[in-house]
Amino acid sequence: MSTVTPIERLLAIMARLRDPQNGCPWDREQSFATIAPYTIEEAYEVADAIARGDMKELRDELGDLLFQVVFHARMAEEAGYFAFADVADAISEKMQRRHPHVFGTVEIRDAAAQTVAWEAHKAAERGAKAADVSVLADVPLALPALLRAEKIGKRVSRVGFDWPDSGAVLDKVREEVGEIAEAMTAKAPAESVSARVGEEIGDLLFAAAQLARHYQVNPETALRDANGRFERRFRFIEKKLAERGRSPSDATLDEMDALWDEAKRAERAPVG
């Protein structure tokens, strides 16, 4: 009976794939930089499986994400930086250190207090290991822009740099919309107008992310849901037009708008 554990089997497979003589040519050619986009993609596929409630798919996608961790760890081991065991040890130590109320004698009364303590631990760790002691230190540049905007806002809010309430954030959103309108009508070369409009749209999206944060809404999830709603409604338009022997390309905007409204009403209709 084999005593090889599943993780040992996976690590052995990864080592074989990277073997200089008998490995896979594609796997041998990869680097941290070339694999990083796949790692991000696999994380999104995990989130997608969760959103769809597909547990079989989630199992498979978690495996794909784990393989990305193993891939990076293998490349690091080859370069003499660290190995997979070091990764596992480091996260184990970190989790125990950040949960003294579970693995120690500290008492924390509720989830809100735990969040405060967690962030205090993270801040102390940042200060101990980095020359950059900014509140914004280590907010990853590679995060999706909306999610990074939320994290930036969350960080600075902890030192008091925030709007007093959600109403004030909404006022900022309205202000940014007005500035977009001003930029659109500016008397300037087209390239300059486009650049300024782009800048103001960025400010609007940042403000919208902060409004989401004030309502404990993840802006990335909110936009993903909005994308899903748009796709469902547009597919409804395509389906209804196809039933009439038509397609969006030969329908009028008024026809499609009417079908869009019909799709919205169908979504809101009570079931049963």
Protein backbone atom coordinates (compact mmCIF):
# COMPACT_ATOMS: atom_id res chain seq x y z
CA MET A 1 0.00 0.00 0.00
CA SER A 2 1.41 3.37 -1.05
CA THR A 3 2.35 5.80 1.71
CA VAL A 4 2.73 8.74 -0.67
CA THR A 5 0.37 11.54 0.28
CA PRO A 6 -1.57 13.48 -2.38
CA ILE A 7 0.58 16.58 -1.85
CA GLU A 8 3.78 14.53 -2.12
CA ARG A 9 2.48 13.09 -5.39
CA LEU A 10 1.72 16.58 -6.71
CA LEU A 11 5.17 17.88 -5.71
CA ALA A 12 6.78 14.90 -7.47
CA ILE A 13 4.75 15.57 -10.62
CA MET A 14 5.86 19.19 -10.60
CA ALA A 15 9.50 18.21 -10.14
CA ARG A 16 9.23 15.81 -13.08
CA LEU A 17 7.64 18.46 -15.28
CA ARG A 18 10.56 20.81 -14.55
CA ASP A 19 13.25 18.12 -14.91
CA PRO A 20 15.98 19.51 -17.21
CA GLN A 21 16.41 16.25 -19.14
CA ASN A 22 13.02 14.49 -19.10
CA GLY A 23 10.55 17.24 -18.23
CA CYS A 24 8.04 19.15 -20.33
CA PRO A 25 9.66 21.79 -22.60
CA TRP A 26 6.89 24.32 -21.86
CA ASP A 27 7.05 23.87 -18.09
CA ARG A 28 10.86 24.10 -18.09
CA GLU A 29 10.77 27.43 -19.93
CA GLN A 30 8.44 29.17 -17.49
CA SER A 31 9.41 31.80 -14.90
CA PHE A 32 7.67 33.57 -12.02
CA ALA A 33 6.68 36.37 -14.39
CA THR A 34 5.22 34.10 -17.08
CA ILE A 35 3.28 31.97 -14.59
CA ALA A 36 1.86 34.90 -12.58
CA PRO A 37 -0.97 35.66 -15.07
CA TYR A 38 -2.10 32.03 -14.89
CA THR A 39 -2.12 32.22 -11.10
CA ILE A 40 -4.42 35.24 -11.20
CA GLU A 41 -6.64 33.56 -13.79
CA GLU A 42 -6.99 30.41 -11.66
CA ALA A 43 -7.98 32.49 -8.61
CA TYR A 44 -10.76 34.08 -10.66
CA GLU A 45 -11.92 30.68 -11.84
CA VAL A 46 -12.19 29.60 -8.20
CA ALA A 47 -14.34 32.67 -7.51
CA ASP A 48 -16.48 31.90 -10.57
CA ALA A 49 -17.13 28.31 -9.44
CA ILE A 50 -18.17 29.62 -6.01
CA ALA A 51 -20.49 32.21 -7.57
CA ARG A 52 -22.16 29.46 -9.62
CA GLY A 53 -22.40 27.12 -6.63
CA ASP A 54 -20.67 24.36 -8.61
CA MET A 55 -18.86 22.31 -5.99
CA LYS A 56 -17.38 19.78 -8.44
CA GLU A 57 -15.96 22.63 -10.47
CA LEU A 58 -14.74 24.31 -7.28
CA ARG A 59 -12.80 21.17 -6.34
CA ASP A 60 -11.13 21.15 -9.76
CA GLU A 61 -10.39 24.88 -9.75
CA LEU A 62 -8.91 24.73 -6.25
CA GLY A 63 -6.64 21.99 -7.58
CA ASP A 64 -5.58 24.22 -10.46
CA LEU A 65 -4.87 27.06 -8.01
CA LEU A 66 -2.88 24.73 -5.74
CA PHE A 67 -0.84 23.66 -8.76
CA GLN A 68 0.07 27.31 -9.32
CA VAL A 69 1.40 27.51 -5.74
CA VAL A 70 3.38 24.31 -6.29
CA PHE A 71 4.73 25.65 -9.60
CA HIS A 72 6.02 28.88 -8.02
CA ALA A 73 7.46 26.99 -5.05
CA ARG A 74 9.27 24.57 -7.36
CA MET A 75 10.87 27.40 -9.33
CA ALA A 76 11.89 29.08 -6.07
CA GLU A 77 13.43 25.83 -4.80
CA GLU A 78 15.41 25.42 -8.01
CA ALA A 79 16.77 28.96 -7.56
CA GLY A 80 17.63 28.31 -3.92
CA TYR A 81 15.09 30.76 -2.47
CA PHE A 82 12.67 28.49 -0.62
CA ALA A 83 10.65 25.28 -1.06
CA PHE A 84 6.99 24.31 -0.76
CA ALA A 85 7.51 23.21 2.85
CA ASP A 86 8.77 26.72 3.67
CA VAL A 87 5.63 28.21 2.15
CA ALA A 88 3.43 25.90 4.26
CA ASP A 89 5.45 26.61 7.41
CA ALA A 90 5.34 30.37 6.84
CA ILE A 91 1.55 30.52 6.44
CA SER A 92 1.05 28.19 9.42
CA GLU A 93 3.19 30.41 11.62
CA LYS A 94 1.44 33.54 10.35
CA MET A 95 -2.04 32.15 11.04
CA GLN A 96 -1.08 31.13 14.56
CA ARG A 97 0.56 34.49 15.21
CA ARG A 98 -2.49 36.41 13.96
CA HIS A 99 -4.95 34.28 15.97
CA PRO A 100 -3.65 34.52 19.55
CA HIS A 101 -7.26 34.19 20.74
CA VAL A 102 -7.37 30.69 19.21
CA PHE A 103 -3.80 29.45 19.68
CA GLY A 104 -2.91 31.53 22.75
CA THR A 105 -4.51 33.13 25.77
CA VAL A 106 -5.73 36.44 24.28
CA GLU A 107 -9.49 37.02 24.46
CA ILE A 108 -11.35 38.75 21.62
CA ARG A 109 -15.05 39.41 22.08
CA ASP A 110 -16.38 39.34 18.50
CA ALA A 111 -15.59 39.31 14.77
CA ALA A 112 -15.29 43.11 14.62
CA ALA A 113 -12.67 43.13 17.35
CA GLN A 114 -10.84 40.31 15.57
CA THR A 115 -10.71 42.39 12.39
CA VAL A 116 -9.12 45.27 14.31
CA ALA A 117 -6.59 42.92 15.94
CA TRP A 118 -5.83 41.26 12.59
CA GLU A 119 -5.04 44.60 10.97
CA ALA A 120 -2.90 45.62 13.94
CA HIS A 121 -0.87 42.42 13.52
CA LYS A 122 -0.47 43.09 9.80
CA ALA A 123 0.62 46.69 10.42
CA ALA A 124 3.22 45.52 12.94
CA GLU A 125 4.52 42.93 10.50
CA ARG A 126 4.78 45.53 7.73
CA GLY A 127 6.73 47.84 10.02
CA ALA A 128 9.08 45.05 11.08
CA LYS A 129 10.01 43.82 7.61
CA ALA A 130 9.93 46.84 5.32
CA ALA A 131 11.61 50.21 5.01
CA ASP A 132 8.37 51.57 3.56
CA VAL A 133 6.26 52.31 6.63
CA SER A 134 3.47 54.05 4.73
CA VAL A 135 -0.10 53.10 5.59
CA LEU A 136 -0.32 52.11 1.93
CA ALA A 137 2.75 49.87 2.00
CA ASP A 138 2.24 46.45 0.38
CA VAL A 139 -1.18 47.13 -1.16
CA PRO A 140 -0.46 44.90 -4.20
CA LEU A 141 -0.17 46.70 -7.54
CA ALA A 142 -1.37 43.57 -9.34
CA LEU A 143 -4.81 43.62 -7.70
CA PRO A 144 -7.78 44.42 -9.95
CA ALA A 145 -8.07 48.21 -9.96
CA LEU A 146 -11.47 48.38 -8.23
CA LEU A 147 -10.38 46.01 -5.49
CA ARG A 148 -7.14 47.95 -5.00
CA ALA A 149 -9.12 51.21 -4.79
CA GLU A 150 -11.24 49.67 -2.02
CA LYS A 151 -8.15 48.50 -0.13
CA ILE A 152 -6.47 51.91 -0.44
CA GLY A 153 -9.60 53.57 0.93
CA LYS A 154 -9.81 51.05 3.76
CA ARG A 155 -6.18 51.60 4.72
CA VAL A 156 -6.34 55.40 4.87
CA SER A 157 -9.69 55.32 6.69
CA ARG A 158 -7.94 53.63 9.63
CA VAL A 159 -5.92 56.80 10.20
CA GLY A 160 -8.95 59.07 9.86
CA PHE A 161 -8.62 60.04 6.20
CA ASP A 162 -12.15 59.29 5.03
CA TRP A 163 -15.53 60.84 4.37
CA PRO A 164 -17.66 61.13 7.52
CA ASP A 165 -20.53 59.06 6.09
CA SER A 166 -21.89 57.46 2.93
CA GLY A 167 -23.86 60.60 2.06
CA ALA A 168 -20.62 62.55 1.79
CA VAL A 169 -19.17 59.87 -0.47
CA LEU A 170 -22.26 60.06 -2.68
CA ASP A 171 -21.73 63.83 -2.94
CA LYS A 172 -18.18 63.09 -4.13
CA VAL A 173 -19.52 60.68 -6.75
CA ARG A 174 -21.87 63.40 -8.02
CA GLU A 175 -19.00 65.88 -8.04
CA GLU A 176 -16.91 63.53 -10.18
CA VAL A 177 -19.79 63.07 -12.64
CA GLY A 178 -19.97 66.87 -12.96
CA GLU A 179 -16.23 67.04 -13.61
CA ILE A 180 -16.58 64.45 -16.38
CA ALA A 181 -19.28 66.62 -17.98
CA GLU A 182 -16.99 69.66 -17.76
CA ALA A 183 -14.10 67.73 -19.29
CA MET A 184 -16.29 66.53 -22.16
CA THR A 185 -17.16 70.13 -23.15
CA ALA A 186 -13.67 71.61 -22.66
CA LYS A 187 -12.30 73.74 -25.49
CA ALA A 188 -9.12 71.82 -26.21
CA PRO A 189 -7.61 69.41 -28.77
CA ALA A 190 -9.40 66.07 -28.92
CA GLU A 191 -6.43 64.21 -27.43
CA SER A 192 -6.33 66.54 -24.45
CA VAL A 193 -10.08 66.26 -23.89
CA SER A 194 -9.89 62.46 -24.08
CA ALA A 195 -7.03 62.37 -21.57
CA ARG A 196 -8.88 64.60 -19.11
CA VAL A 197 -12.12 62.65 -19.49
CA GLY A 198 -10.16 59.47 -18.79
CA GLU A 199 -8.67 61.00 -15.67
CA GLU A 200 -12.07 62.12 -14.39
CA ILE A 201 -13.60 58.70 -15.12
CA GLY A 202 -10.80 57.19 -13.02
CA ASP A 203 -11.69 59.57 -10.17
CA LEU A 204 -15.34 58.58 -10.51
CA LEU A 205 -14.54 54.87 -10.33
CA PHE A 206 -12.32 55.44 -7.28
CA ALA A 207 -15.12 57.38 -5.56
CA ALA A 208 -17.63 54.65 -6.48
CA ALA A 209 -15.32 52.05 -4.91
CA GLN A 210 -15.28 54.09 -1.69
CA LEU A 211 -19.08 54.34 -1.70
CA ALA A 212 -19.18 50.54 -2.01
CA ARG A 213 -16.74 50.27 0.89
CA HIS A 214 -18.95 52.43 3.12
CA TYR A 215 -21.77 49.94 2.52
CA GLN A 216 -19.50 46.89 3.01
CA VAL A 217 -19.96 46.04 -0.67
CA ASN A 218 -17.03 44.51 -2.55
CA PRO A 219 -16.80 46.72 -5.68
CA GLU A 220 -15.20 43.96 -7.75
CA THR A 221 -18.07 41.60 -6.90
CA ALA A 222 -20.62 44.34 -7.56
CA LEU A 223 -19.18 44.98 -11.02
CA ARG A 224 -18.97 41.26 -11.75
CA ASP A 225 -22.65 40.94 -10.82
CA ALA A 226 -23.48 43.94 -13.03
CA ASN A 227 -21.63 42.28 -15.91
CA GLY A 228 -23.69 39.16 -15.32
CA ARG A 229 -26.96 41.10 -15.33
CA PHE A 230 -26.00 42.89 -18.53
CA GLU A 231 -25.07 39.61 -20.22
CA ARG A 232 -28.32 37.91 -19.18
CA ARG A 233 -30.42 40.83 -20.44
CA PHE A 234 -28.57 41.12 -23.72
CA ARG A 235 -28.89 37.38 -24.31
CA PHE A 236 -32.62 37.83 -23.65
CA ILE A 237 -32.68 40.47 -26.39
CA GLU A 238 -30.88 38.13 -28.77
CA LYS A 239 -33.26 35.28 -27.96
CA LYS A 240 -36.41 37.36 -28.46
CA LEU A 241 -35.13 38.81 -31.71
CA ALA A 242 -34.15 35.34 -32.95
CA GLU A 243 -37.74 34.19 -32.30
CA ARG A 244 -38.79 36.91 -34.75
CA GLY A 245 -36.17 35.88 -37.29
CA ARG A 246 -34.09 38.95 -36.45
CA SER A 247 -30.73 39.78 -34.90
CA PRO A 248 -29.41 42.80 -32.98
CA SER A 249 -27.57 44.05 -36.05
CA ASP A 250 -30.84 44.58 -37.96
CA ALA A 251 -32.98 45.73 -35.01
CA THR A 252 -33.45 49.35 -33.99
CA LEU A 253 -32.16 50.74 -30.73
CA ASP A 254 -35.77 51.41 -29.64
CA GLU A 255 -36.65 47.74 -30.21
CA MET A 256 -33.68 46.56 -28.20
CA ASP A 257 -34.38 49.06 -25.41
CA ALA A 258 -37.95 47.74 -25.17
CA LEU A 259 -36.70 44.16 -24.92
CA TRP A 260 -34.12 45.26 -22.33
CA ASP A 261 -36.92 46.66 -20.18
CA GLU A 262 -38.85 43.41 -20.68
CA ALA A 263 -35.82 41.44 -19.48
CA LYS A 264 -35.59 43.61 -16.36
CA ARG A 265 -39.28 43.11 -15.61
CA ALA A 266 -38.90 39.34 -16.06
CA GLU A 267 -36.01 39.30 -13.55
CA ARG A 268 -38.03 41.21 -10.97
CA ALA A 269 -41.21 39.17 -11.38
CA PRO A 270 -42.05 37.04 -8.32
CA VAL A 271 -41.45 33.31 -8.72
CA GLY A 272 -44.32 30.92 -8.03
